[in-house]
Amino acid sequence: MKKNLSVAAICTFIMILVMRWQGAALIATSSKKGIVDLEFASTKDRLHEVLLHWDLSVVKMNIWLDFLFIVCYVLFLSIAAEACSEKWPLKSIPAQAGLLFARLAYAAGVFDIAENLLMLQSIGGNYTDISLQLTFYCAAIKFLIVGFIIIYLIASLPFIIRKK
């Protein structure tokens, strides 16, 4: 499991660097958070404001790269949560939470895939108020799940260190 966790962590880190480098052009006055501003553009006005100064080919490439990133971060979070769960006492609440988070990482990936497909439709001009809201909620749910998993991993660190 350690080998798989290391590979997933390295792949995730590399993809973060690649996406930051490739998506640097998406940081603008109207979009200080880059692609994240597109993920949370829940109205037509906000969508137009975000897309106004962007090269759509850069946006598309960033979204397509995100599909690779999804595979990396989902595997990393899932493996890491499961590894942490094994360090807690068997059948304890934190151990069970880790197993739940290991599975929820895949749910985050599904929400991220849906969000990416909706964003591709949006930048292609095929969107409605409902699809923009759906994109917003997929992004919000994804970030909530990922946030809870990261909190669990951080909270598990002292126990893991003490266990060694």
Protein backbone atom coordinates (compact mmCIF):
# COMPACT_ATOMS: atom_id res chain seq x y z
CA MET A 1 0.00 0.00 0.00
CA LYS A 2 2.90 2.40 0.76
CA LYS A 3 4.17 2.02 -2.81
CA ASN A 4 0.73 2.77 -4.27
CA LEU A 5 0.33 5.76 -1.95
CA SER A 6 3.71 7.15 -2.98
CA VAL A 7 2.98 6.74 -6.69
CA ALA A 8 -0.45 8.35 -6.30
CA ALA A 9 1.03 11.23 -4.26
CA ILE A 10 3.76 11.87 -6.84
CA CYS A 11 1.27 11.75 -9.72
CA THR A 12 -1.07 14.12 -7.87
CA PHE A 13 1.77 16.54 -7.14
CA ILE A 14 2.95 16.48 -10.77
CA MET A 15 -0.58 17.11 -12.02
CA ILE A 16 -0.99 20.04 -9.60
CA LEU A 17 2.20 21.58 -11.02
CA VAL A 18 1.16 20.93 -14.63
CA MET A 19 -2.30 22.39 -14.10
CA ARG A 20 -0.95 25.45 -12.26
CA TRP A 21 1.52 26.07 -15.09
CA GLN A 22 -0.97 25.42 -17.90
CA GLY A 23 -3.77 27.34 -16.15
CA ALA A 24 -1.66 30.38 -15.29
CA ALA A 25 -3.14 32.23 -18.27
CA LEU A 26 -6.59 31.87 -16.67
CA ILE A 27 -5.66 34.14 -13.76
CA ALA A 28 -7.04 37.57 -14.70
CA THR A 29 -8.71 40.59 -13.13
CA SER A 30 -12.15 39.02 -13.58
CA SER A 31 -10.94 35.58 -12.49
CA LYS A 32 -8.41 35.76 -9.68
CA LYS A 33 -8.89 32.05 -8.93
CA GLY A 34 -8.56 30.86 -12.53
CA ILE A 35 -10.57 27.79 -13.46
CA VAL A 36 -12.17 27.73 -10.00
CA ASP A 37 -14.01 30.91 -10.96
CA LEU A 38 -15.50 29.04 -13.92
CA GLU A 39 -16.48 26.14 -11.66
CA PHE A 40 -18.44 28.55 -9.45
CA ALA A 41 -19.88 30.76 -12.22
CA SER A 42 -23.52 30.12 -11.33
CA THR A 43 -25.10 32.83 -13.51
CA LYS A 44 -24.87 33.75 -17.18
CA ASP A 45 -23.47 37.16 -16.29
CA ARG A 46 -20.70 35.65 -14.15
CA LEU A 47 -19.92 33.07 -16.85
CA HIS A 48 -19.54 35.81 -19.47
CA GLU A 49 -17.43 37.91 -17.10
CA VAL A 50 -15.09 34.98 -16.41
CA LEU A 51 -14.76 33.94 -20.06
CA LEU A 52 -14.36 37.50 -21.37
CA HIS A 53 -10.54 37.60 -21.27
CA TRP A 54 -9.77 33.91 -21.64
CA ASP A 55 -8.50 31.97 -24.63
CA LEU A 56 -11.07 29.15 -24.81
CA SER A 57 -8.46 26.69 -26.11
CA VAL A 58 -6.51 27.19 -22.85
CA VAL A 59 -9.71 26.65 -20.84
CA LYS A 60 -10.54 23.46 -22.74
CA MET A 61 -7.02 22.11 -22.28
CA ASN A 62 -7.18 22.86 -18.57
CA ILE A 63 -10.47 20.98 -18.26
CA TRP A 64 -9.14 18.01 -20.24
CA LEU A 65 -6.01 17.92 -18.05
CA ASP A 66 -8.32 17.95 -15.05
CA PHE A 67 -9.68 14.56 -16.11
CA LEU A 68 -6.17 13.15 -15.57
CA PHE A 69 -5.87 15.05 -12.31
CA ILE A 70 -9.15 13.51 -11.12
CA VAL A 71 -7.72 10.01 -11.49
CA CYS A 72 -4.59 11.02 -9.56
CA TYR A 73 -6.20 12.85 -6.65
CA VAL A 74 -9.03 10.36 -6.23
CA LEU A 75 -6.58 7.47 -6.00
CA PHE A 76 -4.32 9.42 -3.65
CA LEU A 77 -7.12 10.49 -1.31
CA SER A 78 -8.70 7.05 -1.32
CA ILE A 79 -5.46 5.18 -0.64
CA ALA A 80 -4.36 7.73 1.98
CA ALA A 81 -7.70 7.61 3.83
CA GLU A 82 -7.66 3.82 3.83
CA ALA A 83 -4.05 3.76 5.03
CA CYS A 84 -4.92 6.16 7.86
CA SER A 85 -7.93 4.08 8.83
CA GLU A 86 -5.64 1.08 9.33
CA LYS A 87 -3.57 3.02 11.88
CA TRP A 88 -6.55 3.68 14.15
CA PRO A 89 -7.85 0.98 16.55
CA LEU A 90 -9.94 -1.58 14.71
CA LYS A 91 -13.68 -0.78 14.56
CA SER A 92 -13.14 2.68 16.11
CA ILE A 93 -15.06 5.65 14.72
CA PRO A 94 -11.93 7.20 13.12
CA ALA A 95 -11.09 3.87 11.48
CA GLN A 96 -14.61 3.58 10.08
CA ALA A 97 -14.53 7.23 9.00
CA GLY A 98 -11.33 6.56 7.06
CA LEU A 99 -12.96 3.71 5.18
CA LEU A 100 -15.95 5.94 4.41
CA PHE A 101 -13.67 8.74 3.20
CA ALA A 102 -11.76 6.27 1.02
CA ARG A 103 -15.02 5.58 -0.81
CA LEU A 104 -16.19 9.20 -0.78
CA ALA A 105 -13.04 10.15 -2.69
CA TYR A 106 -14.58 8.34 -5.67
CA ALA A 107 -17.82 10.30 -5.22
CA ALA A 108 -15.76 13.51 -5.36
CA GLY A 109 -14.29 12.27 -8.63
CA VAL A 110 -17.75 11.61 -10.06
CA PHE A 111 -18.89 15.13 -9.09
CA ASP A 112 -15.70 16.53 -10.66
CA ILE A 113 -16.30 14.63 -13.91
CA ALA A 114 -19.88 15.92 -14.05
CA GLU A 115 -18.63 19.44 -13.34
CA ASN A 116 -16.02 19.21 -16.12
CA LEU A 117 -18.56 17.96 -18.65
CA LEU A 118 -20.90 20.79 -17.70
CA MET A 119 -18.08 23.34 -18.00
CA LEU A 120 -17.19 22.02 -21.46
CA GLN A 121 -20.83 22.55 -22.43
CA SER A 122 -20.82 26.04 -20.92
CA ILE A 123 -17.72 27.24 -22.75
CA GLY A 124 -19.24 25.80 -25.93
CA GLY A 125 -22.25 28.06 -25.43
CA ASN A 126 -24.58 25.18 -24.53
CA TYR A 127 -25.76 26.14 -21.05
CA THR A 128 -28.86 27.10 -19.13
CA ASP A 129 -29.45 28.63 -15.74
CA ILE A 130 -29.99 25.10 -14.43
CA SER A 131 -26.76 23.71 -15.94
CA LEU A 132 -24.77 26.59 -14.44
CA GLN A 133 -26.32 25.94 -11.03
CA LEU A 134 -25.61 22.22 -11.43
CA THR A 135 -21.96 23.00 -12.25
CA PHE A 136 -21.78 25.18 -9.12
CA TYR A 137 -23.25 22.47 -6.88
CA CYS A 138 -21.06 19.71 -8.35
CA ALA A 139 -18.00 21.87 -7.62
CA ALA A 140 -19.20 22.73 -4.11
CA ILE A 141 -19.93 19.10 -3.21
CA LYS A 142 -16.59 17.97 -4.65
CA PHE A 143 -14.67 20.57 -2.65
CA LEU A 144 -16.60 19.72 0.53
CA ILE A 145 -15.81 16.01 0.19
CA VAL A 146 -12.15 16.67 -0.60
CA GLY A 147 -11.95 19.15 2.29
CA PHE A 148 -13.36 16.66 4.78
CA ILE A 149 -10.93 13.99 3.56
CA ILE A 150 -7.97 16.36 3.92
CA ILE A 151 -9.11 17.30 7.43
CA TYR A 152 -9.32 13.58 8.28
CA LEU A 153 -5.81 12.98 6.91
CA ILE A 154 -4.37 15.89 8.86
CA ALA A 155 -6.21 14.84 12.04
CA SER A 156 -4.79 11.33 11.62
CA LEU A 157 -1.16 12.47 11.39
CA PRO A 158 -0.47 12.73 15.15
CA PHE A 159 -1.95 9.26 15.69
CA ILE A 160 0.08 7.81 12.81
CA ILE A 161 3.30 9.40 14.09
CA ARG A 162 2.63 8.21 17.64
CA LYS A 163 1.81 4.71 16.33
CA LYS A 164 5.22 4.38 14.67
